[in-house]
N, C-alpha and C. Protein backbone atom coordinates (compact mmCIF):
# COMPACT_ATOMS: atom_id res chain seq x y z
N MET A 1 -55.48 -106.00 -85.71
CA MET A 1 -56.19 -105.47 -84.56
C MET A 1 -57.65 -105.23 -84.96
N ALA A 2 -58.51 -105.28 -83.99
CA ALA A 2 -59.94 -105.13 -84.21
C ALA A 2 -60.29 -103.68 -84.54
N ASP A 3 -61.41 -103.51 -85.22
CA ASP A 3 -61.91 -102.20 -85.59
C ASP A 3 -62.73 -101.63 -84.43
N ILE A 4 -62.17 -100.65 -83.71
CA ILE A 4 -62.83 -100.07 -82.54
C ILE A 4 -64.16 -99.41 -82.91
N ALA A 5 -64.19 -98.75 -84.07
CA ALA A 5 -65.45 -98.10 -84.49
C ALA A 5 -66.55 -99.13 -84.67
N ARG A 6 -66.22 -100.27 -85.28
CA ARG A 6 -67.23 -101.32 -85.47
C ARG A 6 -67.62 -101.93 -84.13
N LEU A 7 -66.64 -102.18 -83.27
CA LEU A 7 -66.96 -102.72 -81.95
C LEU A 7 -67.88 -101.78 -81.18
N THR A 8 -67.60 -100.50 -81.24
CA THR A 8 -68.43 -99.51 -80.57
C THR A 8 -69.84 -99.52 -81.14
N GLN A 9 -69.94 -99.65 -82.45
CA GLN A 9 -71.23 -99.71 -83.13
C GLN A 9 -72.06 -100.91 -82.66
N VAL A 10 -71.40 -102.00 -82.34
CA VAL A 10 -72.07 -103.21 -81.86
C VAL A 10 -72.38 -103.10 -80.37
N ILE A 11 -71.44 -102.59 -79.60
CA ILE A 11 -71.54 -102.59 -78.14
C ILE A 11 -72.47 -101.51 -77.60
N GLU A 12 -72.40 -100.30 -78.16
CA GLU A 12 -73.16 -99.18 -77.59
C GLU A 12 -74.67 -99.44 -77.50
N PRO A 13 -75.32 -99.97 -78.54
CA PRO A 13 -76.77 -100.22 -78.40
C PRO A 13 -77.09 -101.24 -77.31
N GLU A 14 -76.21 -102.20 -77.10
CA GLU A 14 -76.43 -103.21 -76.06
C GLU A 14 -76.33 -102.57 -74.67
N VAL A 15 -75.35 -101.70 -74.48
CA VAL A 15 -75.17 -101.00 -73.21
C VAL A 15 -76.37 -100.06 -72.97
N ASN A 16 -76.73 -99.31 -74.01
CA ASN A 16 -77.86 -98.37 -73.90
C ASN A 16 -79.17 -99.09 -73.61
N ALA A 17 -79.36 -100.28 -74.19
CA ALA A 17 -80.60 -101.04 -73.99
C ALA A 17 -80.81 -101.42 -72.52
N LEU A 18 -79.71 -101.50 -71.78
CA LEU A 18 -79.80 -101.81 -70.36
C LEU A 18 -79.91 -100.56 -69.49
N GLY A 19 -79.93 -99.38 -70.13
CA GLY A 19 -80.09 -98.13 -69.40
C GLY A 19 -78.79 -97.47 -68.99
N PHE A 20 -77.67 -97.90 -69.58
CA PHE A 20 -76.37 -97.34 -69.23
C PHE A 20 -75.80 -96.55 -70.40
N ASP A 21 -74.79 -95.74 -70.11
CA ASP A 21 -74.09 -94.98 -71.14
C ASP A 21 -72.71 -95.60 -71.36
N LEU A 22 -72.32 -95.71 -72.61
CA LEU A 22 -70.99 -96.20 -72.94
C LEU A 22 -70.00 -95.07 -72.77
N VAL A 23 -68.90 -95.34 -72.08
CA VAL A 23 -67.85 -94.35 -71.87
C VAL A 23 -66.69 -94.59 -72.83
N ARG A 24 -66.26 -95.85 -72.95
CA ARG A 24 -65.12 -96.14 -73.82
C ARG A 24 -65.09 -97.62 -74.19
N VAL A 25 -64.62 -97.89 -75.41
CA VAL A 25 -64.30 -99.25 -75.85
C VAL A 25 -62.83 -99.21 -76.25
N ARG A 26 -62.07 -100.17 -75.73
CA ARG A 26 -60.63 -100.18 -76.01
C ARG A 26 -60.13 -101.62 -76.06
N ILE A 27 -59.17 -101.84 -76.94
CA ILE A 27 -58.51 -103.15 -77.03
C ILE A 27 -57.11 -103.01 -76.46
N PHE A 28 -56.74 -103.90 -75.58
CA PHE A 28 -55.38 -103.95 -75.07
C PHE A 28 -54.69 -105.14 -75.70
N GLY A 29 -53.50 -104.91 -76.23
CA GLY A 29 -52.73 -105.97 -76.84
C GLY A 29 -52.21 -106.95 -75.81
N LYS A 30 -51.76 -108.08 -76.30
CA LYS A 30 -51.25 -109.13 -75.42
C LYS A 30 -50.15 -108.64 -74.51
N SER A 31 -49.23 -107.85 -75.02
CA SER A 31 -48.12 -107.38 -74.19
C SER A 31 -48.60 -106.40 -73.11
N GLU A 32 -49.67 -105.67 -73.38
CA GLU A 32 -50.17 -104.68 -72.41
C GLU A 32 -50.83 -105.34 -71.21
N VAL A 33 -51.45 -106.50 -71.41
CA VAL A 33 -52.13 -107.17 -70.31
C VAL A 33 -51.33 -108.34 -69.74
N GLY A 34 -50.22 -108.65 -70.39
CA GLY A 34 -49.30 -109.63 -69.85
C GLY A 34 -49.74 -111.08 -69.94
N ASP A 35 -50.60 -111.41 -70.86
CA ASP A 35 -50.93 -112.82 -71.05
C ASP A 35 -51.09 -113.12 -72.53
N ASP A 36 -51.68 -114.26 -72.84
CA ASP A 36 -51.71 -114.74 -74.21
C ASP A 36 -52.93 -114.30 -75.02
N GLU A 37 -53.77 -113.45 -74.46
CA GLU A 37 -54.94 -113.03 -75.22
C GLU A 37 -55.15 -111.52 -75.12
N LEU A 38 -55.92 -111.02 -76.05
CA LEU A 38 -56.28 -109.61 -76.06
C LEU A 38 -57.32 -109.36 -74.98
N ALA A 39 -57.44 -108.11 -74.57
CA ALA A 39 -58.49 -107.72 -73.63
C ALA A 39 -59.35 -106.65 -74.30
N LEU A 40 -60.64 -106.89 -74.33
CA LEU A 40 -61.61 -105.93 -74.81
C LEU A 40 -62.18 -105.25 -73.58
N GLN A 41 -61.83 -103.97 -73.40
CA GLN A 41 -62.29 -103.22 -72.24
C GLN A 41 -63.49 -102.37 -72.63
N VAL A 42 -64.56 -102.52 -71.88
CA VAL A 42 -65.77 -101.72 -72.08
C VAL A 42 -66.02 -100.97 -70.77
N MET A 43 -65.99 -99.65 -70.86
CA MET A 43 -66.32 -98.81 -69.70
C MET A 43 -67.70 -98.24 -69.92
N ALA A 44 -68.53 -98.34 -68.90
CA ALA A 44 -69.89 -97.82 -68.98
C ALA A 44 -70.25 -97.23 -67.63
N GLU A 45 -71.35 -96.47 -67.63
CA GLU A 45 -71.79 -95.89 -66.37
C GLU A 45 -73.31 -95.76 -66.36
N ASN A 46 -73.83 -95.75 -65.16
CA ASN A 46 -75.23 -95.44 -64.97
C ASN A 46 -75.33 -93.92 -65.07
N PRO A 47 -76.12 -93.37 -66.00
CA PRO A 47 -76.16 -91.92 -66.16
C PRO A 47 -76.65 -91.17 -64.93
N LYS A 48 -77.36 -91.86 -64.04
CA LYS A 48 -77.86 -91.21 -62.83
C LYS A 48 -76.79 -91.11 -61.75
N THR A 49 -75.87 -92.08 -61.72
CA THR A 49 -74.88 -92.12 -60.64
C THR A 49 -73.44 -91.94 -61.11
N GLY A 50 -73.18 -92.15 -62.40
CA GLY A 50 -71.82 -92.08 -62.91
C GLY A 50 -70.98 -93.28 -62.53
N GLN A 51 -71.60 -94.35 -62.12
CA GLN A 51 -70.86 -95.53 -61.69
C GLN A 51 -71.58 -96.81 -62.13
N LEU A 52 -70.96 -97.94 -61.89
CA LEU A 52 -71.56 -99.25 -62.09
C LEU A 52 -71.29 -100.07 -60.84
N VAL A 53 -72.24 -100.89 -60.48
CA VAL A 53 -72.00 -101.87 -59.42
C VAL A 53 -71.74 -103.21 -60.10
N LEU A 54 -71.29 -104.18 -59.35
CA LEU A 54 -70.89 -105.46 -59.90
C LEU A 54 -72.00 -106.12 -60.72
N ASP A 55 -73.23 -106.08 -60.22
CA ASP A 55 -74.35 -106.69 -60.96
C ASP A 55 -74.55 -106.03 -62.32
N ASP A 56 -74.32 -104.71 -62.39
CA ASP A 56 -74.43 -104.00 -63.67
C ASP A 56 -73.38 -104.50 -64.65
N CYS A 57 -72.16 -104.67 -64.16
CA CYS A 57 -71.06 -105.16 -65.01
C CYS A 57 -71.40 -106.55 -65.56
N VAL A 58 -71.97 -107.39 -64.72
CA VAL A 58 -72.33 -108.74 -65.15
C VAL A 58 -73.41 -108.69 -66.23
N LYS A 59 -74.44 -107.87 -66.03
CA LYS A 59 -75.51 -107.75 -67.02
C LYS A 59 -74.96 -107.27 -68.36
N ILE A 60 -74.14 -106.24 -68.32
CA ILE A 60 -73.57 -105.69 -69.55
C ILE A 60 -72.68 -106.72 -70.23
N SER A 61 -71.87 -107.41 -69.46
CA SER A 61 -70.96 -108.42 -70.01
C SER A 61 -71.73 -109.52 -70.73
N HIS A 62 -72.79 -110.03 -70.11
CA HIS A 62 -73.59 -111.09 -70.74
C HIS A 62 -74.25 -110.59 -72.02
N ARG A 63 -74.78 -109.39 -71.97
CA ARG A 63 -75.47 -108.85 -73.14
C ARG A 63 -74.50 -108.65 -74.30
N ILE A 64 -73.33 -108.09 -74.03
CA ILE A 64 -72.33 -107.88 -75.08
C ILE A 64 -71.84 -109.22 -75.63
N SER A 65 -71.56 -110.16 -74.75
CA SER A 65 -71.09 -111.49 -75.18
C SER A 65 -72.10 -112.16 -76.09
N ASP A 66 -73.37 -112.11 -75.70
CA ASP A 66 -74.42 -112.73 -76.51
C ASP A 66 -74.49 -112.10 -77.90
N ARG A 67 -74.40 -110.77 -77.97
CA ARG A 67 -74.46 -110.06 -79.26
C ARG A 67 -73.26 -110.38 -80.13
N MET A 68 -72.07 -110.37 -79.52
CA MET A 68 -70.86 -110.66 -80.29
C MET A 68 -70.85 -112.11 -80.77
N ASP A 69 -71.31 -113.02 -79.92
CA ASP A 69 -71.39 -114.43 -80.32
C ASP A 69 -72.33 -114.60 -81.50
N ALA A 70 -73.47 -113.91 -81.46
CA ALA A 70 -74.45 -114.01 -82.56
C ALA A 70 -73.84 -113.49 -83.86
N LEU A 71 -73.12 -112.39 -83.81
CA LEU A 71 -72.49 -111.85 -85.01
C LEU A 71 -71.40 -112.79 -85.54
N GLU A 72 -70.65 -113.37 -84.63
CA GLU A 72 -69.59 -114.30 -85.05
C GLU A 72 -70.19 -115.56 -85.65
N GLU A 73 -71.30 -116.04 -85.11
CA GLU A 73 -71.98 -117.21 -85.68
C GLU A 73 -72.52 -116.90 -87.07
N ALA A 74 -72.87 -115.62 -87.31
CA ALA A 74 -73.37 -115.20 -88.62
C ALA A 74 -72.22 -114.92 -89.60
N GLY A 75 -70.98 -115.10 -89.13
CA GLY A 75 -69.84 -114.96 -90.04
C GLY A 75 -69.01 -113.69 -89.90
N GLU A 76 -69.37 -112.81 -88.98
CA GLU A 76 -68.58 -111.57 -88.80
C GLU A 76 -67.58 -111.76 -87.66
N GLU A 77 -66.30 -111.67 -88.01
CA GLU A 77 -65.25 -111.79 -86.99
C GLU A 77 -64.91 -110.40 -86.48
N LEU A 78 -65.31 -110.10 -85.25
CA LEU A 78 -65.09 -108.77 -84.68
C LEU A 78 -63.69 -108.63 -84.10
N ILE A 79 -63.20 -109.68 -83.48
CA ILE A 79 -61.85 -109.69 -82.91
C ILE A 79 -61.21 -111.00 -83.32
N GLY A 80 -60.10 -110.91 -84.01
CA GLY A 80 -59.40 -112.12 -84.44
C GLY A 80 -58.69 -112.80 -83.27
N GLY A 81 -59.01 -114.03 -83.01
CA GLY A 81 -58.35 -114.78 -81.95
C GLY A 81 -59.04 -114.66 -80.61
N ALA A 82 -58.38 -115.21 -79.60
CA ALA A 82 -58.94 -115.23 -78.25
C ALA A 82 -58.86 -113.84 -77.62
N TYR A 83 -59.85 -113.51 -76.83
CA TYR A 83 -59.85 -112.24 -76.11
C TYR A 83 -60.64 -112.41 -74.82
N ARG A 84 -60.39 -111.49 -73.90
CA ARG A 84 -61.10 -111.47 -72.63
C ARG A 84 -61.91 -110.18 -72.59
N LEU A 85 -63.19 -110.27 -72.23
CA LEU A 85 -64.06 -109.11 -72.11
C LEU A 85 -64.00 -108.60 -70.67
N GLU A 86 -63.69 -107.31 -70.53
CA GLU A 86 -63.64 -106.67 -69.22
C GLU A 86 -64.62 -105.50 -69.22
N VAL A 87 -65.61 -105.55 -68.35
CA VAL A 87 -66.58 -104.47 -68.23
C VAL A 87 -66.35 -103.79 -66.88
N SER A 88 -66.24 -102.45 -66.92
CA SER A 88 -65.97 -101.73 -65.68
C SER A 88 -66.57 -100.35 -65.69
N SER A 89 -66.59 -99.75 -64.52
CA SER A 89 -66.96 -98.36 -64.33
C SER A 89 -65.74 -97.52 -64.70
N PRO A 90 -65.94 -96.27 -65.11
CA PRO A 90 -64.78 -95.44 -65.43
C PRO A 90 -63.97 -95.04 -64.21
N GLY A 91 -64.50 -95.18 -63.02
CA GLY A 91 -63.76 -94.84 -61.82
C GLY A 91 -63.78 -93.34 -61.55
N ILE A 92 -63.22 -92.97 -60.42
CA ILE A 92 -63.25 -91.58 -60.00
C ILE A 92 -62.34 -90.71 -60.85
N ASP A 93 -61.17 -91.23 -61.24
CA ASP A 93 -60.24 -90.46 -62.09
C ASP A 93 -60.42 -90.90 -63.54
N ARG A 94 -61.63 -90.81 -63.97
CA ARG A 94 -62.13 -91.32 -65.23
C ARG A 94 -61.45 -90.72 -66.45
N PRO A 95 -61.44 -91.51 -67.53
CA PRO A 95 -61.00 -90.93 -68.80
C PRO A 95 -62.10 -90.00 -69.32
N LEU A 96 -61.69 -88.96 -70.01
CA LEU A 96 -62.62 -88.04 -70.65
C LEU A 96 -62.67 -88.45 -72.11
N THR A 97 -63.77 -89.05 -72.53
CA THR A 97 -63.85 -89.62 -73.87
C THR A 97 -64.98 -89.05 -74.71
N ARG A 98 -65.93 -88.41 -74.06
CA ARG A 98 -67.09 -87.90 -74.78
C ARG A 98 -67.13 -86.38 -74.67
N THR A 99 -67.74 -85.74 -75.63
CA THR A 99 -67.85 -84.29 -75.62
C THR A 99 -68.45 -83.80 -74.31
N LYS A 100 -69.49 -84.46 -73.83
CA LYS A 100 -70.17 -84.03 -72.61
C LYS A 100 -69.27 -84.11 -71.38
N ASP A 101 -68.25 -84.97 -71.40
CA ASP A 101 -67.34 -85.09 -70.26
C ASP A 101 -66.62 -83.77 -69.98
N TYR A 102 -66.29 -83.04 -71.04
CA TYR A 102 -65.54 -81.80 -70.88
C TYR A 102 -66.41 -80.69 -70.29
N ALA A 103 -67.71 -80.77 -70.45
CA ALA A 103 -68.63 -79.83 -69.80
C ALA A 103 -68.96 -80.30 -68.39
N ASP A 104 -69.25 -81.60 -68.26
CA ASP A 104 -69.65 -82.15 -66.96
C ASP A 104 -68.56 -82.01 -65.90
N TRP A 105 -67.30 -82.09 -66.29
CA TRP A 105 -66.20 -82.09 -65.34
C TRP A 105 -65.40 -80.79 -65.34
N ALA A 106 -65.97 -79.73 -65.91
CA ALA A 106 -65.33 -78.41 -65.87
C ALA A 106 -65.11 -78.02 -64.40
N GLY A 107 -63.97 -77.40 -64.14
CA GLY A 107 -63.63 -77.00 -62.77
C GLY A 107 -62.77 -78.02 -62.05
N HIS A 108 -62.57 -79.17 -62.67
CA HIS A 108 -61.73 -80.20 -62.06
C HIS A 108 -60.41 -80.33 -62.82
N GLU A 109 -59.42 -80.83 -62.14
CA GLU A 109 -58.10 -80.98 -62.75
C GLU A 109 -58.09 -82.15 -63.72
N ALA A 110 -57.46 -81.93 -64.87
CA ALA A 110 -57.37 -82.97 -65.90
C ALA A 110 -55.95 -83.03 -66.45
N ARG A 111 -55.59 -84.19 -66.93
CA ARG A 111 -54.32 -84.42 -67.64
C ARG A 111 -54.70 -84.75 -69.08
N ILE A 112 -54.19 -83.95 -70.01
CA ILE A 112 -54.57 -84.10 -71.42
C ILE A 112 -53.32 -84.25 -72.28
N ASN A 113 -53.32 -85.25 -73.14
CA ASN A 113 -52.25 -85.44 -74.11
C ASN A 113 -52.82 -85.16 -75.49
N LEU A 114 -52.12 -84.30 -76.23
CA LEU A 114 -52.59 -83.86 -77.53
C LEU A 114 -51.83 -84.53 -78.67
N ALA A 115 -52.49 -84.66 -79.79
CA ALA A 115 -51.84 -85.15 -81.01
C ALA A 115 -51.04 -84.03 -81.66
N GLU A 116 -51.54 -82.79 -81.54
CA GLU A 116 -50.89 -81.61 -82.11
C GLU A 116 -50.49 -80.67 -80.98
N PRO A 117 -49.27 -80.15 -80.99
CA PRO A 117 -48.81 -79.29 -79.90
C PRO A 117 -49.51 -77.93 -79.86
N VAL A 118 -49.58 -77.35 -78.66
CA VAL A 118 -50.09 -75.99 -78.44
C VAL A 118 -49.15 -75.29 -77.46
N ALA A 119 -49.34 -74.01 -77.29
CA ALA A 119 -48.65 -73.23 -76.26
C ALA A 119 -47.15 -73.51 -76.18
N GLY A 120 -46.44 -73.15 -77.23
CA GLY A 120 -45.00 -73.33 -77.20
C GLY A 120 -44.56 -74.76 -77.38
N ASN A 121 -45.24 -75.47 -78.28
CA ASN A 121 -44.87 -76.84 -78.65
C ASN A 121 -45.10 -77.86 -77.54
N ARG A 122 -46.18 -77.71 -76.79
CA ARG A 122 -46.49 -78.66 -75.72
C ARG A 122 -47.63 -79.58 -76.13
N LYS A 123 -47.44 -80.87 -75.86
CA LYS A 123 -48.49 -81.86 -76.12
C LYS A 123 -49.10 -82.39 -74.82
N ALA A 124 -48.36 -82.33 -73.73
CA ALA A 124 -48.84 -82.82 -72.44
C ALA A 124 -49.22 -81.64 -71.56
N LEU A 125 -50.48 -81.60 -71.17
CA LEU A 125 -51.01 -80.50 -70.38
C LEU A 125 -51.66 -81.03 -69.11
N GLN A 126 -51.62 -80.22 -68.05
CA GLN A 126 -52.33 -80.58 -66.83
C GLN A 126 -52.75 -79.31 -66.13
N GLY A 127 -54.01 -79.29 -65.72
CA GLY A 127 -54.54 -78.14 -65.01
C GLY A 127 -56.04 -78.22 -64.91
N ASP A 128 -56.65 -77.11 -64.51
CA ASP A 128 -58.10 -77.08 -64.33
C ASP A 128 -58.81 -76.99 -65.67
N LEU A 129 -59.75 -77.89 -65.87
CA LEU A 129 -60.55 -77.90 -67.09
C LEU A 129 -61.55 -76.75 -67.01
N ILE A 130 -61.50 -75.86 -67.99
CA ILE A 130 -62.41 -74.72 -68.02
C ILE A 130 -63.73 -75.13 -68.67
N GLY A 131 -63.65 -75.90 -69.75
CA GLY A 131 -64.87 -76.36 -70.40
C GLY A 131 -64.69 -76.55 -71.89
N ILE A 132 -65.82 -76.60 -72.59
CA ILE A 132 -65.83 -76.85 -74.02
C ILE A 132 -66.87 -75.94 -74.66
N GLU A 133 -66.54 -75.42 -75.84
CA GLU A 133 -67.46 -74.55 -76.58
C GLU A 133 -67.37 -74.87 -78.05
N GLY A 134 -68.40 -74.51 -78.78
CA GLY A 134 -68.38 -74.65 -80.22
C GLY A 134 -69.44 -75.61 -80.73
N ASP A 135 -69.60 -75.59 -82.03
CA ASP A 135 -70.57 -76.46 -82.68
C ASP A 135 -70.01 -77.87 -82.82
N PRO A 136 -70.89 -78.88 -82.90
CA PRO A 136 -70.42 -80.26 -83.10
C PRO A 136 -69.47 -80.35 -84.29
N GLY A 137 -68.34 -80.98 -84.05
CA GLY A 137 -67.33 -81.13 -85.09
C GLY A 137 -66.25 -80.06 -85.05
N SER A 138 -66.53 -78.95 -84.36
CA SER A 138 -65.51 -77.89 -84.26
C SER A 138 -65.39 -77.39 -82.81
N GLU A 139 -65.61 -78.29 -81.85
CA GLU A 139 -65.55 -77.92 -80.44
C GLU A 139 -64.12 -77.59 -80.03
N MET A 140 -64.00 -76.60 -79.14
CA MET A 140 -62.71 -76.20 -78.58
C MET A 140 -62.75 -76.43 -77.07
N VAL A 141 -61.73 -77.11 -76.56
CA VAL A 141 -61.58 -77.38 -75.14
C VAL A 141 -60.63 -76.33 -74.57
N THR A 142 -60.94 -75.82 -73.38
CA THR A 142 -60.07 -74.84 -72.72
C THR A 142 -59.62 -75.40 -71.38
N LEU A 143 -58.33 -75.24 -71.11
CA LEU A 143 -57.71 -75.75 -69.89
C LEU A 143 -56.81 -74.66 -69.33
N GLU A 144 -56.82 -74.50 -68.02
CA GLU A 144 -55.88 -73.59 -67.35
C GLU A 144 -54.67 -74.44 -66.98
N ASP A 145 -53.73 -74.51 -67.93
CA ASP A 145 -52.54 -75.36 -67.77
C ASP A 145 -51.60 -74.77 -66.72
N ARG A 146 -50.99 -75.63 -65.93
CA ARG A 146 -50.09 -75.19 -64.86
C ARG A 146 -48.88 -74.43 -65.39
N LYS A 147 -48.38 -74.82 -66.56
CA LYS A 147 -47.16 -74.21 -67.10
C LYS A 147 -47.44 -73.11 -68.12
N SER A 148 -48.44 -73.30 -68.96
CA SER A 148 -48.69 -72.38 -70.08
C SER A 148 -49.82 -71.40 -69.86
N GLY A 149 -50.55 -71.53 -68.77
CA GLY A 149 -51.72 -70.67 -68.57
C GLY A 149 -52.92 -71.21 -69.34
N ARG A 150 -53.84 -70.33 -69.68
CA ARG A 150 -55.06 -70.74 -70.36
C ARG A 150 -54.77 -71.05 -71.82
N VAL A 151 -55.09 -72.27 -72.22
CA VAL A 151 -54.91 -72.69 -73.61
C VAL A 151 -56.19 -73.34 -74.10
N SER A 152 -56.46 -73.15 -75.39
CA SER A 152 -57.61 -73.78 -76.04
C SER A 152 -57.10 -74.58 -77.22
N PHE A 153 -57.78 -75.67 -77.51
CA PHE A 153 -57.37 -76.55 -78.59
C PHE A 153 -58.59 -77.34 -79.06
N PRO A 154 -58.56 -77.80 -80.31
CA PRO A 154 -59.70 -78.56 -80.84
C PRO A 154 -59.87 -79.90 -80.10
N LEU A 155 -61.10 -80.25 -79.84
CA LEU A 155 -61.41 -81.54 -79.22
C LEU A 155 -60.80 -82.67 -80.03
N THR A 156 -60.79 -82.53 -81.34
CA THR A 156 -60.27 -83.58 -82.22
C THR A 156 -58.76 -83.77 -82.09
N ASP A 157 -58.05 -82.81 -81.47
CA ASP A 157 -56.61 -82.93 -81.27
C ASP A 157 -56.25 -83.71 -80.01
N ILE A 158 -57.25 -84.08 -79.22
CA ILE A 158 -56.96 -84.78 -77.96
C ILE A 158 -56.70 -86.26 -78.25
N HIS A 159 -55.52 -86.70 -77.83
CA HIS A 159 -55.15 -88.12 -77.95
C HIS A 159 -55.72 -88.90 -76.77
N SER A 160 -55.53 -88.37 -75.56
CA SER A 160 -56.10 -89.00 -74.37
C SER A 160 -56.27 -87.93 -73.30
N ALA A 161 -57.24 -88.16 -72.42
CA ALA A 161 -57.51 -87.21 -71.34
C ALA A 161 -58.15 -87.97 -70.18
N ARG A 162 -57.81 -87.53 -68.99
CA ARG A 162 -58.43 -88.12 -67.80
C ARG A 162 -58.41 -87.13 -66.67
N LEU A 163 -59.33 -87.32 -65.74
CA LEU A 163 -59.36 -86.49 -64.55
C LEU A 163 -58.22 -86.90 -63.63
N VAL A 164 -57.76 -85.94 -62.84
CA VAL A 164 -56.71 -86.19 -61.85
C VAL A 164 -57.39 -86.33 -60.50
N LEU A 165 -57.01 -87.34 -59.75
CA LEU A 165 -57.60 -87.58 -58.44
C LEU A 165 -57.16 -86.48 -57.48
N THR A 166 -58.11 -85.68 -57.04
CA THR A 166 -57.86 -84.59 -56.10
C THR A 166 -58.93 -84.64 -55.01
N ASP A 167 -58.69 -83.92 -53.92
CA ASP A 167 -59.69 -83.83 -52.86
C ASP A 167 -60.98 -83.22 -53.39
N LYS A 168 -60.85 -82.23 -54.29
CA LYS A 168 -62.03 -81.59 -54.87
C LYS A 168 -62.86 -82.59 -55.67
N LEU A 169 -62.19 -83.44 -56.45
CA LEU A 169 -62.89 -84.46 -57.23
C LEU A 169 -63.57 -85.47 -56.32
N ILE A 170 -62.87 -85.89 -55.29
CA ILE A 170 -63.45 -86.85 -54.34
C ILE A 170 -64.70 -86.26 -53.70
N ALA A 171 -64.63 -85.00 -53.30
CA ALA A 171 -65.78 -84.34 -52.65
C ALA A 171 -66.95 -84.19 -53.62
N ALA A 172 -66.66 -84.01 -54.91
CA ALA A 172 -67.72 -83.80 -55.90
C ALA A 172 -68.32 -85.09 -56.42
N THR A 173 -67.68 -86.20 -56.17
CA THR A 173 -68.14 -87.48 -56.70
C THR A 173 -69.17 -88.08 -55.76
N ARG A 174 -70.24 -88.56 -56.36
CA ARG A 174 -71.29 -89.19 -55.57
C ARG A 174 -70.72 -90.42 -54.85
N PRO A 175 -71.19 -90.69 -53.64
CA PRO A 175 -70.70 -91.87 -52.95
C PRO A 175 -71.06 -93.14 -53.71
N LEU A 176 -70.20 -94.12 -53.60
CA LEU A 176 -70.46 -95.40 -54.24
C LEU A 176 -71.68 -96.06 -53.64
N ASP A 177 -72.35 -96.86 -54.44
CA ASP A 177 -73.49 -97.64 -53.96
C ASP A 177 -72.92 -98.79 -53.14
N THR A 178 -73.20 -98.80 -51.86
CA THR A 178 -72.66 -99.83 -50.98
C THR A 178 -73.69 -100.91 -50.65
N SER A 179 -74.84 -100.89 -51.35
CA SER A 179 -75.84 -101.91 -51.07
C SER A 179 -75.25 -103.29 -51.36
N GLY A 180 -75.44 -104.19 -50.45
CA GLY A 180 -74.93 -105.55 -50.62
C GLY A 180 -73.53 -105.73 -50.06
N ALA A 181 -72.88 -104.68 -49.61
CA ALA A 181 -71.52 -104.79 -49.10
C ALA A 181 -71.45 -105.68 -47.86
N ASP A 182 -72.48 -105.62 -47.01
CA ASP A 182 -72.48 -106.45 -45.81
C ASP A 182 -72.51 -107.92 -46.17
N GLU A 183 -73.28 -108.29 -47.21
CA GLU A 183 -73.37 -109.68 -47.62
C GLU A 183 -72.04 -110.17 -48.17
N ILE A 184 -71.37 -109.32 -48.94
CA ILE A 184 -70.08 -109.71 -49.50
C ILE A 184 -69.06 -109.91 -48.38
N PHE A 185 -69.05 -109.01 -47.40
CA PHE A 185 -68.12 -109.10 -46.30
C PHE A 185 -68.36 -110.37 -45.50
N GLU A 186 -69.63 -110.71 -45.24
CA GLU A 186 -69.95 -111.92 -44.50
C GLU A 186 -69.51 -113.16 -45.24
N GLU A 187 -69.66 -113.19 -46.57
CA GLU A 187 -69.23 -114.34 -47.36
C GLU A 187 -67.73 -114.53 -47.29
N GLN A 188 -66.98 -113.46 -47.24
CA GLN A 188 -65.52 -113.55 -47.18
C GLN A 188 -65.04 -114.07 -45.85
N GLU A 189 -65.82 -113.88 -44.80
CA GLU A 189 -65.41 -114.34 -43.47
C GLU A 189 -65.50 -115.85 -43.32
N ASP A 190 -66.36 -116.50 -44.08
CA ASP A 190 -66.58 -117.95 -43.92
C ASP A 190 -65.40 -118.77 -44.32
């Protein structure tokens, strides 16, 4: 399997150079995507809107492909074998992958899976995200869990986390950029 840390090291500067923030880099195995190749998923967002439009995805995809091709031509194999590059927005029920996500989305419902259990041997938590505190490297996340009440745990213990789609989240999310939607609709009618 590919080295995610190295892929992130290659991909993040390319995403940032276009004015976007990298949210997540992930490899999906062949069985997870149901075909004969791996999928390299890159999630990014416009820091001003928290989203990407199709043209943004295309720009990021071309830039990442060009950089990875150049490294492979220079002899560095980043991903062994065939793979498909998928660039997307994190969506409304986004994964929480960065320290800032836990502050930015405080007050919203989240589903968090931990590597180490808390609150009576629980690894799966769901409830309102209270926030994050502490110095870099020793941050503590606090969640008002539905079953256990208020629990805090190290950021480093989080295996995966994502927002839960709620009416409150929908109301707090900026509307999608619909510029160009009329043109797309007209093309589909032909």
